[in-house]
PDB file of N, CA and C in Angstrom:
ATOM      1  N   UNK A   1       0.841  -1.170   0.000  1.00  0.00           N
ATOM      2  CA  UNK A   1       0.000   0.000   0.000  1.00  0.00           C
ATOM      3  C   UNK A   1       0.889   1.237   0.000  1.00  0.00           C
ATOM      4  N   UNK A   2       0.529   2.198  -0.851  1.00  0.00           N
ATOM      5  CA  UNK A   2       1.302   3.421  -0.948  1.00  0.00           C
ATOM      6  C   UNK A   2       1.149   4.241   0.325  1.00  0.00           C
ATOM      7  N   UNK A   3       2.185   4.960   0.671  1.00  0.00           N
ATOM      8  CA  UNK A   3       2.147   5.798   1.870  1.00  0.00           C
ATOM      9  C   UNK A   3       1.602   7.167   1.497  1.00  0.00           C
ATOM     10  N   UNK A   4       0.282   7.222   1.303  1.00  0.00           N
ATOM     11  CA  UNK A   4      -0.394   8.452   0.911  1.00  0.00           C
ATOM     12  C   UNK A   4      -1.597   8.658   1.822  1.00  0.00           C
ATOM     13  N   UNK A   5      -1.746   9.863   2.334  1.00  0.00           N
ATOM     14  CA  UNK A   5      -2.909  10.202   3.154  1.00  0.00           C
ATOM     15  C   UNK A   5      -4.141  10.272   2.257  1.00  0.00           C
ATOM     16  N   UNK A   6      -5.223   9.638   2.681  1.00  0.00           N
ATOM     17  CA  UNK A   6      -6.430   9.595   1.871  1.00  0.00           C
ATOM     18  C   UNK A   6      -7.202  10.902   1.894  1.00  0.00           C
ATOM     19  N   UNK A   7      -6.909  11.785   2.830  1.00  0.00           N
ATOM     20  CA  UNK A   7      -7.621  13.060   2.922  1.00  0.00           C
ATOM     21  C   UNK A   7      -6.794  14.198   2.314  1.00  0.00           C
ATOM     22  N   UNK A   8      -5.559  14.358   2.772  1.00  0.00           N
ATOM     23  CA  UNK A   8      -4.749  15.503   2.342  1.00  0.00           C
ATOM     24  C   UNK A   8      -3.919  15.213   1.104  1.00  0.00           C
ATOM     25  N   UNK A   9      -3.673  13.944   0.806  1.00  0.00           N
ATOM     26  CA  UNK A   9      -2.834  13.597  -0.337  1.00  0.00           C
ATOM     27  C   UNK A   9      -1.349  13.679  -0.037  1.00  0.00           C
ATOM     28  N   UNK A  10      -0.997  13.843   1.244  1.00  0.00           N
ATOM     29  CA  UNK A  10       0.418  13.877   1.598  1.00  0.00           C
ATOM     30  C   UNK A  10       1.060  12.556   1.217  1.00  0.00           C
ATOM     31  N   UNK A  11       2.278  12.629   0.681  1.00  0.00           N
ATOM     32  CA  UNK A  11       2.973  11.419   0.261  1.00  0.00           C
ATOM     33  C   UNK A  11       4.448  11.500   0.622  1.00  0.00           C
ATOM     34  N   UNK A  12       5.176  10.433   0.357  1.00  0.00           N
ATOM     35  CA  UNK A  12       6.588  10.369   0.679  1.00  0.00           C
ATOM     36  C   UNK A  12       7.352  11.421  -0.115  1.00  0.00           C
ATOM     37  N   UNK A  13       8.211  12.147   0.579  1.00  0.00           N
ATOM     38  CA  UNK A  13       9.073  13.144  -0.055  1.00  0.00           C
ATOM     39  C   UNK A  13      10.501  12.628  -0.040  1.00  0.00           C
ATOM     40  N   UNK A  14      11.339  13.129  -0.929  1.00  0.00           N
ATOM     41  CA  UNK A  14      12.734  12.711  -0.956  1.00  0.00           C
ATOM     42  C   UNK A  14      13.622  13.897  -0.636  1.00  0.00           C
ATOM     43  N   UNK A  15      14.807  13.582  -0.144  1.00  0.00           N
ATOM     44  CA  UNK A  15      15.770  14.611   0.199  1.00  0.00           C
ATOM     45  C   UNK A  15      17.136  13.979   0.362  1.00  0.00           C
ATOM     46  N   UNK A  16      18.009  14.663   1.046  1.00  0.00           N
ATOM     47  CA  UNK A  16      19.368  14.181   1.229  1.00  0.00           C
ATOM     48  C   UNK A  16      19.727  14.069   2.701  1.00  0.00           C
ATOM     49  N   UNK A  17      20.456  13.008   3.048  1.00  0.00           N
ATOM     50  CA  UNK A  17      21.201  12.971   4.294  1.00  0.00           C
ATOM     51  C   UNK A  17      22.496  13.709   4.028  1.00  0.00           C
ATOM     52  N   UNK A  18      22.858  14.656   4.857  1.00  0.00           N
ATOM     53  CA  UNK A  18      24.087  15.408   4.660  1.00  0.00           C
ATOM     54  C   UNK A  18      25.006  15.124   5.832  1.00  0.00           C
ATOM     55  N   UNK A  19      26.157  14.547   5.527  1.00  0.00           N
ATOM     56  CA  UNK A  19      27.113  14.191   6.573  1.00  0.00           C
ATOM     57  C   UNK A  19      27.929  15.412   6.985  1.00  0.00           C
ATOM     58  N   UNK A  20      28.727  15.214   8.022  1.00  0.00           N
ATOM     59  CA  UNK A  20      29.602  16.288   8.498  1.00  0.00           C
ATOM     60  C   UNK A  20      30.598  16.685   7.412  1.00  0.00           C
ATOM     61  N   UNK A  21      30.986  15.719   6.579  1.00  0.00           N
ATOM     62  CA  UNK A  21      31.911  15.988   5.471  1.00  0.00           C
ATOM     63  C   UNK A  21      31.172  16.493   4.230  1.00  0.00           C
ATOM     64  N   UNK A  22      29.866  16.792   4.370  1.00  0.00           N
ATOM     65  CA  UNK A  22      29.020  17.316   3.306  1.00  0.00           C
ATOM     66  C   UNK A  22      28.782  16.298   2.187  1.00  0.00           C
ATOM     67  N   UNK A  23      28.883  15.005   2.514  1.00  0.00           N
ATOM     68  CA  UNK A  23      28.489  13.969   1.560  1.00  0.00           C
ATOM     69  C   UNK A  23      26.968  13.879   1.572  1.00  0.00           C
ATOM     70  N   UNK A  24      26.395  13.708   0.402  1.00  0.00           N
ATOM     71  CA  UNK A  24      24.931  13.654   0.306  1.00  0.00           C
ATOM     72  C   UNK A  24      24.492  12.293  -0.207  1.00  0.00           C
ATOM     73  N   UNK A  25      23.567  11.669   0.520  1.00  0.00           N
ATOM     74  CA  UNK A  25      22.960  10.415   0.092  1.00  0.00           C
ATOM     75  C   UNK A  25      21.451  10.585   0.173  1.00  0.00           C
ATOM     76  N   UNK A  26      20.747   9.916  -0.742  1.00  0.00           N
ATOM     77  CA  UNK A  26      19.296  10.060  -0.798  1.00  0.00           C
ATOM     78  C   UNK A  26      18.624   9.438   0.424  1.00  0.00           C
ATOM     79  N   UNK A  27      17.522  10.052   0.846  1.00  0.00           N
ATOM     80  CA  UNK A  27      16.712   9.531   1.939  1.00  0.00           C
ATOM     81  C   UNK A  27      15.251   9.866   1.664  1.00  0.00           C
ATOM     82  N   UNK A  28      14.353   9.306   2.462  1.00  0.00           N
ATOM     83  CA  UNK A  28      12.929   9.543   2.299  1.00  0.00           C
ATOM     84  C   UNK A  28      12.348  10.139   3.572  1.00  0.00           C
ATOM     85  N   UNK A  29      11.402  11.050   3.399  1.00  0.00           N
ATOM     86  CA  UNK A  29      10.637  11.620   4.501  1.00  0.00           C
ATOM     87  C   UNK A  29       9.224  11.070   4.374  1.00  0.00           C
ATOM     88  N   UNK A  30       8.801  10.265   5.348  1.00  0.00           N
ATOM     89  CA  UNK A  30       7.489   9.640   5.296  1.00  0.00           C
ATOM     90  C   UNK A  30       6.469  10.467   6.083  1.00  0.00           C
ATOM     91  N   UNK A  31       5.241  10.575   5.576  1.00  0.00           N
ATOM     92  CA  UNK A  31       4.202  11.253   6.353  1.00  0.00           C
ATOM     93  C   UNK A  31       3.804  10.395   7.548  1.00  0.00           C
ATOM     94  N   UNK A  32       3.335  11.029   8.604  1.00  0.00           N
ATOM     95  CA  UNK A  32       2.949  10.313   9.818  1.00  0.00           C
ATOM     96  C   UNK A  32       1.536   9.760   9.636  1.00  0.00           C
ATOM     97  N   UNK A  33       1.429   8.613   8.968  1.00  0.00           N
ATOM     98  CA  UNK A  33       0.135   8.018   8.658  1.00  0.00           C
ATOM     99  C   UNK A  33      -0.326   7.099   9.770  1.00  0.00           C
ATOM    100  N   UNK A  34      -1.608   7.165  10.051  1.00  0.00           N
ATOM    101  CA  UNK A  34      -2.238   6.312  11.048  1.00  0.00           C
ATOM    102  C   UNK A  34      -3.504   5.728  10.453  1.00  0.00           C
ATOM    103  N   UNK A  35      -3.804   4.498  10.827  1.00  0.00           N
ATOM    104  CA  UNK A  35      -5.055   3.870  10.420  1.00  0.00           C
ATOM    105  C   UNK A  35      -6.082   4.203  11.494  1.00  0.00           C
ATOM    106  N   UNK A  36      -7.168   4.895  11.121  1.00  0.00           N
ATOM    107  CA  UNK A  36      -8.113   5.410  12.108  1.00  0.00           C
ATOM    108  C   UNK A  36      -9.532   5.170  11.640  1.00  0.00           C
ATOM    109  N   UNK A  37     -10.390   4.803  12.582  1.00  0.00           N
ATOM    110  CA  UNK A  37     -11.812   4.618  12.299  1.00  0.00           C
ATOM    111  C   UNK A  37     -12.573   5.881  12.670  1.00  0.00           C
ATOM    112  N   UNK A  38     -13.460   6.297  11.773  1.00  0.00           N
ATOM    113  CA  UNK A  38     -14.297   7.472  12.008  1.00  0.00           C
ATOM    114  C   UNK A  38     -15.749   7.074  11.850  1.00  0.00           C
ATOM    115  N   UNK A  39     -16.610   7.691  12.633  1.00  0.00           N
ATOM    116  CA  UNK A  39     -18.050   7.427  12.562  1.00  0.00           C
ATOM    117  C   UNK A  39     -18.704   8.480  11.688  1.00  0.00           C
ATOM    118  N   UNK A  40     -19.418   8.031  10.645  1.00  0.00           N
ATOM    119  CA  UNK A  40     -20.143   8.944   9.752  1.00  0.00           C
ATOM    120  C   UNK A  40     -21.564   9.045  10.281  1.00  0.00           C
ATOM    121  N   UNK A  41     -21.923  10.208  10.809  1.00  0.00           N
ATOM    122  CA  UNK A  41     -23.225  10.376  11.463  1.00  0.00           C
ATOM    123  C   UNK A  41     -24.398  10.275  10.496  1.00  0.00           C
ATOM    124  N   UNK A  42     -24.206  10.744   9.261  1.00  0.00           N
ATOM    125  CA  UNK A  42     -25.323  10.752   8.317  1.00  0.00           C
ATOM    126  C   UNK A  42     -25.738   9.339   7.905  1.00  0.00           C
ATOM    127  N   UNK A  43     -24.779   8.415   7.810  1.00  0.00           N
ATOM    128  CA  UNK A  43     -25.101   7.044   7.404  1.00  0.00           C
ATOM    129  C   UNK A  43     -25.130   6.078   8.580  1.00  0.00           C
ATOM    130  N   UNK A  44     -24.559   6.494   9.711  1.00  0.00           N
ATOM    131  CA  UNK A  44     -24.515   5.626  10.884  1.00  0.00           C
ATOM    132  C   UNK A  44     -23.514   4.491  10.756  1.00  0.00           C
ATOM    133  N   UNK A  45     -22.485   4.674   9.940  1.00  0.00           N
ATOM    134  CA  UNK A  45     -21.481   3.636   9.705  1.00  0.00           C
ATOM    135  C   UNK A  45     -20.101   4.109  10.143  1.00  0.00           C
ATOM    136  N   UNK A  46     -19.231   3.137  10.393  1.00  0.00           N
ATOM    137  CA  UNK A  46     -17.835   3.401  10.690  1.00  0.00           C
ATOM    138  C   UNK A  46     -17.035   3.285   9.402  1.00  0.00           C
ATOM    139  N   UNK A  47     -16.074   4.197   9.209  1.00  0.00           N
ATOM    140  CA  UNK A  47     -15.212   4.193   8.038  1.00  0.00           C
ATOM    141  C   UNK A  47     -13.771   4.164   8.518  1.00  0.00           C
ATOM    142  N   UNK A  48     -12.968   3.279   7.942  1.00  0.00           N
ATOM    143  CA  UNK A  48     -11.546   3.208   8.279  1.00  0.00           C
ATOM    144  C   UNK A  48     -10.760   3.944   7.209  1.00  0.00           C
ATOM    145  N   UNK A  49      -9.957   4.913   7.644  1.00  0.00           N
ATOM    146  CA  UNK A  49      -9.147   5.703   6.720  1.00  0.00           C
ATOM    147  C   UNK A  49      -7.695   5.646   7.152  1.00  0.00           C
ATOM    148  N   UNK A  50      -6.798   5.761   6.182  1.00  0.00           N
ATOM    149  CA  UNK A  50      -5.366   5.871   6.470  1.00  0.00           C
ATOM    150  C   UNK A  50      -4.999   7.333   6.253  1.00  0.00           C
ATOM    151  N   UNK A  51      -4.861   8.060   7.362  1.00  0.00           N
ATOM    152  CA  UNK A  51      -4.713   9.509   7.286  1.00  0.00           C
ATOM    153  C   UNK A  51      -3.498   9.973   8.076  1.00  0.00           C
ATOM    154  N   UNK A  52      -2.992  11.139   7.696  1.00  0.00           N
ATOM    155  CA  UNK A  52      -1.907  11.768   8.433  1.00  0.00           C
ATOM    156  C   UNK A  52      -2.450  12.343   9.731  1.00  0.00           C
ATOM    157  N   UNK A  53      -1.581  12.500  10.709  1.00  0.00           N
ATOM    158  CA  UNK A  53      -2.025  13.031  12.000  1.00  0.00           C
ATOM    159  C   UNK A  53      -2.544  14.454  11.860  1.00  0.00           C
ATOM    160  N   UNK A  54      -2.025  15.212  10.921  1.00  0.00           N
ATOM    161  CA  UNK A  54      -2.541  16.564  10.694  1.00  0.00           C
ATOM    162  C   UNK A  54      -3.980  16.508  10.185  1.00  0.00           C
ATOM    163  N   UNK A  55      -4.312  15.483   9.401  1.00  0.00           N
ATOM    164  CA  UNK A  55      -5.683  15.318   8.917  1.00  0.00           C
ATOM    165  C   UNK A  55      -6.614  14.916  10.056  1.00  0.00           C
ATOM    166  N   UNK A  56      -6.113  14.117  11.009  1.00  0.00           N
ATOM    167  CA  UNK A  56      -6.922  13.737  12.174  1.00  0.00           C
ATOM    168  C   UNK A  56      -7.284  14.979  12.982  1.00  0.00           C
ATOM    169  N   UNK A  57      -6.324  15.889  13.145  1.00  0.00           N
ATOM    170  CA  UNK A  57      -6.595  17.130  13.866  1.00  0.00           C
ATOM    171  C   UNK A  57      -7.635  17.975  13.133  1.00  0.00           C
ATOM    172  N   UNK A  58      -7.558  18.008  11.816  1.00  0.00           N
ATOM    173  CA  UNK A  58      -8.520  18.769  11.021  1.00  0.00           C
ATOM    174  C   UNK A  58      -9.910  18.161  11.134  1.00  0.00           C
ATOM    175  N   UNK A  59      -9.994  16.826  11.111  1.00  0.00           N
ATOM    176  CA  UNK A  59     -11.286  16.148  11.241  1.00  0.00           C
ATOM    177  C   UNK A  59     -11.883  16.404  12.615  1.00  0.00           C
ATOM    178  N   UNK A  60     -11.065  16.379  13.652  1.00  0.00           N
ATOM    179  CA  UNK A  60     -11.553  16.660  15.005  1.00  0.00           C
ATOM    180  C   UNK A  60     -12.072  18.093  15.121  1.00  0.00           C
ATOM    181  N   UNK A  61     -11.462  19.022  14.390  1.00  0.00           N
ATOM    182  CA  UNK A  61     -11.858  20.422  14.472  1.00  0.00           C
ATOM    183  C   UNK A  61     -13.111  20.712  13.645  1.00  0.00           C
ATOM    184  N   UNK A  62     -13.143  20.235  12.382  1.00  0.00           N
ATOM    185  CA  UNK A  62     -14.205  20.615  11.453  1.00  0.00           C
ATOM    186  C   UNK A  62     -15.271  19.554  11.253  1.00  0.00           C
ATOM    187  N   UNK A  63     -15.006  18.324  11.665  1.00  0.00           N
ATOM    188  CA  UNK A  63     -15.942  17.230  11.422  1.00  0.00           C
ATOM    189  C   UNK A  63     -15.541  16.439  10.186  1.00  0.00           C
ATOM    190  N   UNK A  64     -15.923  15.172  10.170  1.00  0.00           N
ATOM    191  CA  UNK A  64     -15.514  14.279   9.092  1.00  0.00           C
ATOM    192  C   UNK A  64     -16.138  14.667   7.762  1.00  0.00           C
ATOM    193  N   UNK A  65     -17.433  14.892   7.750  1.00  0.00           N
ATOM    194  CA  UNK A  65     -18.126  15.145   6.484  1.00  0.00           C
ATOM    195  C   UNK A  65     -17.683  16.457   5.841  1.00  0.00           C
ATOM    196  N   UNK A  66     -17.457  17.488   6.633  1.00  0.00           N
ATOM    197  CA  UNK A  66     -16.982  18.765   6.090  1.00  0.00           C
ATOM    198  C   UNK A  66     -15.573  18.611   5.523  1.00  0.00           C
ATOM    199  N   UNK A  67     -14.736  17.844   6.209  1.00  0.00           N
ATOM    200  CA  UNK A  67     -13.367  17.628   5.743  1.00  0.00           C
ATOM    201  C   UNK A  67     -13.353  16.803   4.463  1.00  0.00           C
ATOM    202  N   UNK A  68     -14.197  15.769   4.394  1.00  0.00           N
ATOM    203  CA  UNK A  68     -14.290  14.964   3.183  1.00  0.00           C
ATOM    204  C   UNK A  68     -14.783  15.797   2.006  1.00  0.00           C
ATOM    205  N   UNK A  69     -15.763  16.663   2.254  1.00  0.00           N
ATOM    206  CA  UNK A  69     -16.294  17.518   1.188  1.00  0.00           C
ATOM    207  C   UNK A  69     -15.220  18.458   0.665  1.00  0.00           C
ATOM    208  N   UNK A  70     -14.458  19.055   1.565  1.00  0.00           N
ATOM    209  CA  UNK A  70     -13.406  19.979   1.154  1.00  0.00           C
ATOM    210  C   UNK A  70     -12.306  19.250   0.385  1.00  0.00           C
ATOM    211  N   UNK A  71     -11.954  18.036   0.827  1.00  0.00           N
ATOM    212  CA  UNK A  71     -10.935  17.239   0.124  1.00  0.00           C
ATOM    213  C   UNK A  71     -11.431  16.836  -1.261  1.00  0.00           C
ATOM    214  N   UNK A  72     -12.717  16.537  -1.367  1.00  0.00           N
ATOM    215  CA  UNK A  72     -13.299  16.173  -2.663  1.00  0.00           C
ATOM    216  C   UNK A  72     -13.247  17.356  -3.626  1.00  0.00           C
ATOM    217  N   UNK A  73     -13.582  18.542  -3.134  1.00  0.00           N
ATOM    218  CA  UNK A  73     -13.540  19.743  -3.975  1.00  0.00           C
ATOM    219  C   UNK A  73     -12.111  20.077  -4.403  1.00  0.00           C
ATOM    220  N   UNK A  74     -11.157  19.839  -3.496  1.00  0.00           N
ATOM    221  CA  UNK A  74      -9.743  20.104  -3.778  1.00  0.00           C
ATOM    222  C   UNK A  74      -9.151  19.055  -4.721  1.00  0.00           C
ATOM    223  N   UNK A  75      -9.769  17.871  -4.750  1.00  0.00           N
ATOM    224  CA  UNK A  75      -9.286  16.801  -5.619  1.00  0.00           C
ATOM    225  C   UNK A  75      -8.255  15.894  -4.985  1.00  0.00           C
ATOM    226  N   UNK A  76      -8.092  15.970  -3.664  1.00  0.00           N
ATOM    227  CA  UNK A  76      -7.088  15.136  -2.996  1.00  0.00           C
ATOM    228  C   UNK A  76      -7.681  13.876  -2.379  1.00  0.00           C
ATOM    229  N   UNK A  77      -8.997  13.746  -2.404  1.00  0.00           N
ATOM    230  CA  UNK A  77      -9.657  12.592  -1.797  1.00  0.00           C
ATOM    231  C   UNK A  77      -9.374  11.340  -2.602  1.00  0.00           C
ATOM    232  N   UNK A  78      -8.818  10.312  -1.944  1.00  0.00           N
ATOM    233  CA  UNK A  78      -8.533   9.042  -2.627  1.00  0.00           C
ATOM    234  C   UNK A  78      -9.047   7.907  -1.767  1.00  0.00           C
ATOM    235  N   UNK A  79     -10.199   7.381  -2.115  1.00  0.00           N
ATOM    236  CA  UNK A  79     -10.796   6.287  -1.367  1.00  0.00           C
ATOM    237  C   UNK A  79     -10.815   5.021  -2.172  1.00  0.00           C
TER     238      UNK A  79
END
């Protein structure tokens, strides 16, 4: 499974490890993804999403359905 947040679309980034001698080797920066269950009040069902912790904070603040709607409009929703 790809390491991509289903709400924000955050994905693995690449960069460099830089040593004291200024040698550069490739490395990866992974998003902090968590598997989390959310309750959808309109349907009365539980939904399991793989989301970044920043997305969990956004869902807690704005609600699941509002966050899903905004992600859908932005085009980052991947279910």
